[in-house]
Amino acid sequence: MKLIELEKVNKTIKGRNLLTDVTLTVDAGSITTLEGINGSGKTLILKAMLGLIKTSGKVLVSGQKIAVSGRYPIRAGVLIENPSVLDEFSAFKNLKLIAELIGDIEESEIIDLLMYFDLPTDQKNTVKKFSLGMRQKLGIAQAMLGRSELIVLDEPTNALDETSVQKLIDYIKVVNHAGSTFVVTSHDRDFLNQISTKRIKVKAGSIDEAL
């Protein structure tokens, strides 16, 4: 079943084509990955499928056409570009705020997620003291919290050490097996090889080929 469909999606700014006739599908239950160099358009494609930017063409999610400022048809956990974290709060508090928006998430789930990604579970250590890798892992945890129907991760391995990357790979597989659909961008081919069920190559704002 197709969860997301993009058909001839274009994005132009000041006469420059940033996305050109992007057509792709994301099947429900898949781990669909977008591969390409920095600046190839991967992040823009994610933003288009999430309704975060205005584009021409068609974007369907669960059969519903989406638009900027409209209600998104399904629950999604998202990490795009830099993690959106509150520096003055602890990692626990950052996740707790999201849990309250989602609802039906026990504090034990927050603790388990923090422990899995080797992040402090107390409320004394604020995020402003975190390293880049710790901030990245917190951003990943935010996206994973609640195991949403759709989880979007943009270059999630940035600033992660080898152990953390392997733990991320393992966790993606577990959450995907439980029913979540993933869309992941990366220029790390080894990472993609270990998680992808469908690979799409992006080049200069266009779909170059399905791998």
C-alpha atoms as a PDB file:
ATOM      1  CA  MET A   1       0.000   0.000   0.000  1.00  0.00           C
ATOM      2  CA  LYS A   2       1.281   3.471  -0.884  1.00  0.00           C
ATOM      3  CA  LEU A   3       1.596   5.698   2.176  1.00  0.00           C
ATOM      4  CA  ILE A   4       3.142   8.706   0.414  1.00  0.00           C
ATOM      5  CA  GLU A   5       3.018   9.685  -3.265  1.00  0.00           C
ATOM      6  CA  LEU A   6       4.831  12.562  -4.945  1.00  0.00           C
ATOM      7  CA  GLU A   7       3.940  13.247  -8.565  1.00  0.00           C
ATOM      8  CA  LYS A   8       5.854  15.792 -10.650  1.00  0.00           C
ATOM      9  CA  VAL A   9       6.703  17.910  -7.631  1.00  0.00           C
ATOM     10  CA  ASN A  10       8.621  21.098  -8.425  1.00  0.00           C
ATOM     11  CA  LYS A  11      10.128  23.832  -6.273  1.00  0.00           C
ATOM     12  CA  THR A  12      11.486  27.038  -7.778  1.00  0.00           C
ATOM     13  CA  ILE A  13      12.997  30.004  -5.944  1.00  0.00           C
ATOM     14  CA  LYS A  14      14.026  33.163  -7.786  1.00  0.00           C
ATOM     15  CA  GLY A  15      13.988  31.356 -11.103  1.00  0.00           C
ATOM     16  CA  ARG A  16      16.159  28.500  -9.858  1.00  0.00           C
ATOM     17  CA  ASN A  17      14.770  24.960  -9.980  1.00  0.00           C
ATOM     18  CA  LEU A  18      15.487  23.288  -6.649  1.00  0.00           C
ATOM     19  CA  LEU A  19      13.211  20.296  -7.294  1.00  0.00           C
ATOM     20  CA  THR A  20      12.317  19.164 -10.805  1.00  0.00           C
ATOM     21  CA  ASP A  21       9.493  16.724 -11.576  1.00  0.00           C
ATOM     22  CA  VAL A  22      10.105  14.641  -8.460  1.00  0.00           C
ATOM     23  CA  THR A  23       7.965  11.512  -8.637  1.00  0.00           C
ATOM     24  CA  LEU A  24       8.266   8.767  -6.031  1.00  0.00           C
ATOM     25  CA  THR A  25       6.277   6.528  -3.719  1.00  0.00           C
ATOM     26  CA  VAL A  26       6.823   5.411  -0.145  1.00  0.00           C
ATOM     27  CA  ASP A  27       5.152   2.112   0.663  1.00  0.00           C
ATOM     28  CA  ALA A  28       3.615   1.593   4.084  1.00  0.00           C
ATOM     29  CA  GLY A  29       5.930  -0.480   6.268  1.00  0.00           C
ATOM     30  CA  SER A  30       9.021   0.295   4.212  1.00  0.00           C
ATOM     31  CA  ILE A  31      12.333   1.884   5.097  1.00  0.00           C
ATOM     32  CA  THR A  32      12.683   4.169   2.101  1.00  0.00           C
ATOM     33  CA  THR A  33      16.003   5.975   1.864  1.00  0.00           C
ATOM     34  CA  LEU A  34      17.047   8.957  -0.212  1.00  0.00           C
ATOM     35  CA  GLU A  35      20.702   8.900  -1.180  1.00  0.00           C
ATOM     36  CA  GLY A  36      22.688  11.804  -2.572  1.00  0.00           C
ATOM     37  CA  ILE A  37      25.421  14.323  -1.897  1.00  0.00           C
ATOM     38  CA  ASN A  38      24.825  17.390   0.256  1.00  0.00           C
ATOM     39  CA  GLY A  39      22.746  19.917  -1.671  1.00  0.00           C
ATOM     40  CA  SER A  40      21.193  17.305  -3.960  1.00  0.00           C
ATOM     41  CA  GLY A  41      17.653  18.076  -2.771  1.00  0.00           C
ATOM     42  CA  LYS A  42      17.047  15.280  -0.272  1.00  0.00           C
ATOM     43  CA  THR A  43      15.951  17.571   2.561  1.00  0.00           C
ATOM     44  CA  LEU A  44      13.655  19.573   0.264  1.00  0.00           C
ATOM     45  CA  ILE A  45      11.934  16.351  -0.781  1.00  0.00           C
ATOM     46  CA  LEU A  46      11.334  15.506   2.878  1.00  0.00           C
ATOM     47  CA  LYS A  47       9.905  18.966   3.489  1.00  0.00           C
ATOM     48  CA  ALA A  48       7.640  18.598   0.450  1.00  0.00           C
ATOM     49  CA  MET A  49       6.234  15.251   1.622  1.00  0.00           C
ATOM     50  CA  LEU A  50       5.628  16.714   5.093  1.00  0.00           C
ATOM     51  CA  GLY A  51       3.858  19.790   3.753  1.00  0.00           C
ATOM     52  CA  LEU A  52       6.503  22.128   5.139  1.00  0.00           C
ATOM     53  CA  ILE A  53       7.136  23.967   1.855  1.00  0.00           C
ATOM     54  CA  LYS A  54       4.929  25.074  -1.019  1.00  0.00           C
ATOM     55  CA  THR A  55       5.460  23.122  -4.218  1.00  0.00           C
ATOM     56  CA  SER A  56       3.712  22.540  -7.508  1.00  0.00           C
ATOM     57  CA  GLY A  57       2.642  19.032  -8.409  1.00  0.00           C
ATOM     58  CA  LYS A  58       0.853  16.521  -6.219  1.00  0.00           C
ATOM     59  CA  VAL A  59       1.703  15.244  -2.733  1.00  0.00           C
ATOM     60  CA  LEU A  60      -0.575  12.576  -1.277  1.00  0.00           C
ATOM     61  CA  VAL A  61      -0.342  11.061   2.208  1.00  0.00           C
ATOM     62  CA  SER A  62      -2.693   8.167   2.936  1.00  0.00           C
ATOM     63  CA  GLY A  63      -4.555   9.208  -0.207  1.00  0.00           C
ATOM     64  CA  GLN A  64      -5.091  12.768   1.004  1.00  0.00           C
ATOM     65  CA  LYS A  65      -3.616  15.776  -0.760  1.00  0.00           C
ATOM     66  CA  ILE A  66      -1.566  17.841   1.659  1.00  0.00           C
ATOM     67  CA  ALA A  67      -0.931  21.558   1.744  1.00  0.00           C
ATOM     68  CA  VAL A  68       1.227  23.920   3.753  1.00  0.00           C
ATOM     69  CA  SER A  69      -0.512  24.928   7.023  1.00  0.00           C
ATOM     70  CA  GLY A  70      -3.031  22.107   6.590  1.00  0.00           C
ATOM     71  CA  ARG A  71      -3.492  19.281   9.081  1.00  0.00           C
ATOM     72  CA  TYR A  72      -1.167  16.388   8.354  1.00  0.00           C
ATOM     73  CA  PRO A  73      -3.170  13.189   7.710  1.00  0.00           C
ATOM     74  CA  ILE A  74      -1.072  10.890   9.912  1.00  0.00           C
ATOM     75  CA  ARG A  75       1.108  11.157  13.017  1.00  0.00           C
ATOM     76  CA  ALA A  76       4.745  11.676  12.136  1.00  0.00           C
ATOM     77  CA  GLY A  77       7.980  11.805  14.100  1.00  0.00           C
ATOM     78  CA  VAL A  78      10.450  14.113  12.404  1.00  0.00           C
ATOM     79  CA  LEU A  79      14.139  15.022  12.552  1.00  0.00           C
ATOM     80  CA  ILE A  80      15.052  17.457   9.777  1.00  0.00           C
ATOM     81  CA  GLU A  81      18.363  19.289   9.644  1.00  0.00           C
ATOM     82  CA  ASN A  82      19.331  20.293  13.201  1.00  0.00           C
ATOM     83  CA  PRO A  83      17.552  18.793  16.233  1.00  0.00           C
ATOM     84  CA  SER A  84      14.817  21.086  17.604  1.00  0.00           C
ATOM     85  CA  VAL A  85      15.656  20.910  21.295  1.00  0.00           C
ATOM     86  CA  LEU A  86      15.249  23.312  24.199  1.00  0.00           C
ATOM     87  CA  ASP A  87      18.665  24.011  25.681  1.00  0.00           C
ATOM     88  CA  GLU A  88      17.415  25.093  29.102  1.00  0.00           C
ATOM     89  CA  PHE A  89      15.616  21.781  29.711  1.00  0.00           C
ATOM     90  CA  SER A  90      16.920  18.283  30.371  1.00  0.00           C
ATOM     91  CA  ALA A  91      16.679  15.512  27.797  1.00  0.00           C
ATOM     92  CA  PHE A  92      13.840  14.003  29.843  1.00  0.00           C
ATOM     93  CA  LYS A  93      11.912  17.280  29.872  1.00  0.00           C
ATOM     94  CA  ASN A  94      12.366  17.724  26.120  1.00  0.00           C
ATOM     95  CA  LEU A  95      10.850  14.302  25.501  1.00  0.00           C
ATOM     96  CA  LYS A  96       8.173  14.805  28.145  1.00  0.00           C
ATOM     97  CA  LEU A  97       6.882  17.888  26.329  1.00  0.00           C
ATOM     98  CA  ILE A  98       6.482  15.899  23.129  1.00  0.00           C
ATOM     99  CA  ALA A  99       4.911  12.983  25.011  1.00  0.00           C
ATOM    100  CA  GLU A 100       2.256  15.324  26.393  1.00  0.00           C
ATOM    101  CA  LEU A 101       1.364  16.423  22.862  1.00  0.00           C
ATOM    102  CA  ILE A 102       1.156  12.848  21.608  1.00  0.00           C
ATOM    103  CA  GLY A 103      -0.651  11.438  24.641  1.00  0.00           C
ATOM    104  CA  ASP A 104      -0.682   7.857  25.972  1.00  0.00           C
ATOM    105  CA  ILE A 105       3.071   7.733  26.534  1.00  0.00           C
ATOM    106  CA  GLU A 106       4.312   6.534  29.904  1.00  0.00           C
ATOM    107  CA  GLU A 107       7.358   8.099  31.563  1.00  0.00           C
ATOM    108  CA  SER A 108       8.951   4.656  31.524  1.00  0.00           C
ATOM    109  CA  GLU A 109       8.990   4.772  27.711  1.00  0.00           C
ATOM    110  CA  ILE A 110      10.855   8.079  27.848  1.00  0.00           C
ATOM    111  CA  ILE A 111      13.389   6.667  30.302  1.00  0.00           C
ATOM    112  CA  ASP A 112      13.897   3.523  28.208  1.00  0.00           C
ATOM    113  CA  LEU A 113      14.510   5.612  25.084  1.00  0.00           C
ATOM    114  CA  LEU A 114      17.024   7.855  26.824  1.00  0.00           C
ATOM    115  CA  MET A 115      18.855   4.889  28.292  1.00  0.00           C
ATOM    116  CA  TYR A 116      18.976   3.121  24.927  1.00  0.00           C
ATOM    117  CA  PHE A 117      20.662   6.106  23.308  1.00  0.00           C
ATOM    118  CA  ASP A 118      22.980   6.615  26.307  1.00  0.00           C
ATOM    119  CA  LEU A 119      21.494   9.967  27.311  1.00  0.00           C
ATOM    120  CA  PRO A 120      21.093  11.199  30.909  1.00  0.00           C
ATOM    121  CA  THR A 121      17.709  10.440  32.457  1.00  0.00           C
ATOM    122  CA  ASP A 122      17.888  12.955  35.310  1.00  0.00           C
ATOM    123  CA  GLN A 123      16.582  16.514  35.204  1.00  0.00           C
ATOM    124  CA  LYS A 124      19.783  18.218  36.329  1.00  0.00           C
ATOM    125  CA  ASN A 125      21.779  17.873  33.100  1.00  0.00           C
ATOM    126  CA  THR A 126      20.447  20.445  30.657  1.00  0.00           C
ATOM    127  CA  VAL A 127      20.781  20.112  26.909  1.00  0.00           C
ATOM    128  CA  LYS A 128      23.010  23.192  26.655  1.00  0.00           C
ATOM    129  CA  LYS A 129      25.787  21.054  28.165  1.00  0.00           C
ATOM    130  CA  PHE A 130      25.368  18.316  25.547  1.00  0.00           C
ATOM    131  CA  SER A 131      27.914  17.489  22.854  1.00  0.00           C
ATOM    132  CA  LEU A 132      26.848  17.536  19.183  1.00  0.00           C
ATOM    133  CA  GLY A 133      26.468  13.760  19.240  1.00  0.00           C
ATOM    134  CA  MET A 134      24.255  13.853  22.327  1.00  0.00           C
ATOM    135  CA  ARG A 135      22.069  16.549  20.781  1.00  0.00           C
ATOM    136  CA  GLN A 136      21.735  14.458  17.642  1.00  0.00           C
ATOM    137  CA  LYS A 137      20.709  11.403  19.629  1.00  0.00           C
ATOM    138  CA  LEU A 138      18.111  13.464  21.490  1.00  0.00           C
ATOM    139  CA  GLY A 139      16.715  14.655  18.163  1.00  0.00           C
ATOM    140  CA  ILE A 140      16.498  11.041  17.022  1.00  0.00           C
ATOM    141  CA  ALA A 141      14.764  10.084  20.283  1.00  0.00           C
ATOM    142  CA  GLN A 142      12.232  12.873  19.745  1.00  0.00           C
ATOM    143  CA  ALA A 143      11.378  11.489  16.312  1.00  0.00           C
ATOM    144  CA  MET A 144      11.166   7.911  17.602  1.00  0.00           C
ATOM    145  CA  LEU A 145       9.027   8.698  20.657  1.00  0.00           C
ATOM    146  CA  GLY A 146       5.622   7.074  20.384  1.00  0.00           C
ATOM    147  CA  ARG A 147       6.659   5.059  17.312  1.00  0.00           C
ATOM    148  CA  SER A 148       4.564   7.148  14.930  1.00  0.00           C
ATOM    149  CA  GLU A 149       3.087   5.752  11.741  1.00  0.00           C
ATOM    150  CA  LEU A 150       5.687   7.750   9.796  1.00  0.00           C
ATOM    151  CA  ILE A 151       9.204   8.549  11.023  1.00  0.00           C
ATOM    152  CA  VAL A 152      11.377  10.909   8.982  1.00  0.00           C
ATOM    153  CA  LEU A 153      15.105  11.145   9.707  1.00  0.00           C
ATOM    154  CA  ASP A 154      17.334  13.598   7.836  1.00  0.00           C
ATOM    155  CA  GLU A 155      21.030  12.608   7.962  1.00  0.00           C
ATOM    156  CA  PRO A 156      20.575  10.960  11.388  1.00  0.00           C
ATOM    157  CA  THR A 157      24.143   9.648  11.610  1.00  0.00           C
ATOM    158  CA  ASN A 158      25.644  13.160  11.714  1.00  0.00           C
ATOM    159  CA  ALA A 159      27.994  13.506  14.734  1.00  0.00           C
ATOM    160  CA  LEU A 160      27.344   9.915  15.874  1.00  0.00           C
ATOM    161  CA  ASP A 161      30.156   7.536  16.743  1.00  0.00           C
ATOM    162  CA  GLU A 162      30.285   4.002  15.373  1.00  0.00           C
ATOM    163  CA  THR A 163      28.557   2.452  18.395  1.00  0.00           C
ATOM    164  CA  SER A 164      25.718   4.970  18.283  1.00  0.00           C
ATOM    165  CA  VAL A 165      25.219   4.396  14.544  1.00  0.00           C
ATOM    166  CA  GLN A 166      24.883   0.654  15.112  1.00  0.00           C
ATOM    167  CA  LYS A 167      22.383   1.199  17.920  1.00  0.00           C
ATOM    168  CA  LEU A 168      20.406   3.485  15.610  1.00  0.00           C
ATOM    169  CA  ILE A 169      20.384   0.827  12.879  1.00  0.00           C
ATOM    170  CA  ASP A 170      19.135  -1.784  15.333  1.00  0.00           C
ATOM    171  CA  TYR A 171      16.438   0.509  16.711  1.00  0.00           C
ATOM    172  CA  ILE A 172      15.172   1.513  13.270  1.00  0.00           C
ATOM    173  CA  LYS A 173      14.736  -2.167  12.404  1.00  0.00           C
ATOM    174  CA  VAL A 174      12.856  -2.874  15.644  1.00  0.00           C
ATOM    175  CA  VAL A 175      10.487   0.079  15.241  1.00  0.00           C
ATOM    176  CA  ASN A 176       9.958  -0.686  11.554  1.00  0.00           C
ATOM    177  CA  HIS A 177       9.137  -4.314  12.397  1.00  0.00           C
ATOM    178  CA  ALA A 178       6.549  -2.987  14.870  1.00  0.00           C
ATOM    179  CA  GLY A 179       4.792  -1.129  12.039  1.00  0.00           C
ATOM    180  CA  SER A 180       6.366   2.300  11.519  1.00  0.00           C
ATOM    181  CA  THR A 181       7.256   3.491   8.026  1.00  0.00           C
ATOM    182  CA  PHE A 182      10.608   5.261   7.690  1.00  0.00           C
ATOM    183  CA  VAL A 183      11.911   7.826   5.233  1.00  0.00           C
ATOM    184  CA  VAL A 184      15.611   8.450   5.812  1.00  0.00           C
ATOM    185  CA  THR A 185      18.168  10.599   4.000  1.00  0.00           C
ATOM    186  CA  SER A 186      21.885   9.968   4.169  1.00  0.00           C
ATOM    187  CA  HIS A 187      25.097  10.176   2.187  1.00  0.00           C
ATOM    188  CA  ASP A 188      26.467   7.255   4.276  1.00  0.00           C
ATOM    189  CA  ARG A 189      26.143   4.263   1.950  1.00  0.00           C
ATOM    190  CA  ASP A 190      27.124   1.685   4.554  1.00  0.00           C
ATOM    191  CA  PHE A 191      24.349   2.939   6.844  1.00  0.00           C
ATOM    192  CA  LEU A 192      21.851   2.833   3.979  1.00  0.00           C
ATOM    193  CA  ASN A 193      22.897  -0.677   2.994  1.00  0.00           C
ATOM    194  CA  GLN A 194      22.006  -1.905   6.469  1.00  0.00           C
ATOM    195  CA  ILE A 195      18.553  -0.346   6.799  1.00  0.00           C
ATOM    196  CA  SER A 196      17.020   0.215   3.358  1.00  0.00           C
ATOM    197  CA  THR A 197      14.160  -1.772   1.913  1.00  0.00           C
ATOM    198  CA  LYS A 198      13.857   0.752  -0.946  1.00  0.00           C
ATOM    199  CA  ARG A 199      16.625   3.109  -2.062  1.00  0.00           C
ATOM    200  CA  ILE A 200      16.161   6.209  -4.190  1.00  0.00           C
ATOM    201  CA  LYS A 201      19.027   8.246  -5.609  1.00  0.00           C
ATOM    202  CA  VAL A 202      18.622  12.014  -5.708  1.00  0.00           C
ATOM    203  CA  LYS A 203      20.763  14.214  -7.941  1.00  0.00           C
ATOM    204  CA  ALA A 204      20.448  17.956  -8.588  1.00  0.00           C
ATOM    205  CA  GLY A 205      16.862  18.123  -7.341  1.00  0.00           C
ATOM    206  CA  SER A 206      15.618  15.182  -9.384  1.00  0.00           C
ATOM    207  CA  ILE A 207      15.133  11.471  -8.861  1.00  0.00           C
ATOM    208  CA  ASP A 208      18.149   9.981 -10.603  1.00  0.00           C
ATOM    209  CA  GLU A 209      17.209   6.339 -10.212  1.00  0.00           C
ATOM    210  CA  ALA A 210      15.743   3.778  -7.825  1.00  0.00           C
ATOM    211  CA  LEU A 211      18.533   1.516  -6.548  1.00  0.00           C
END
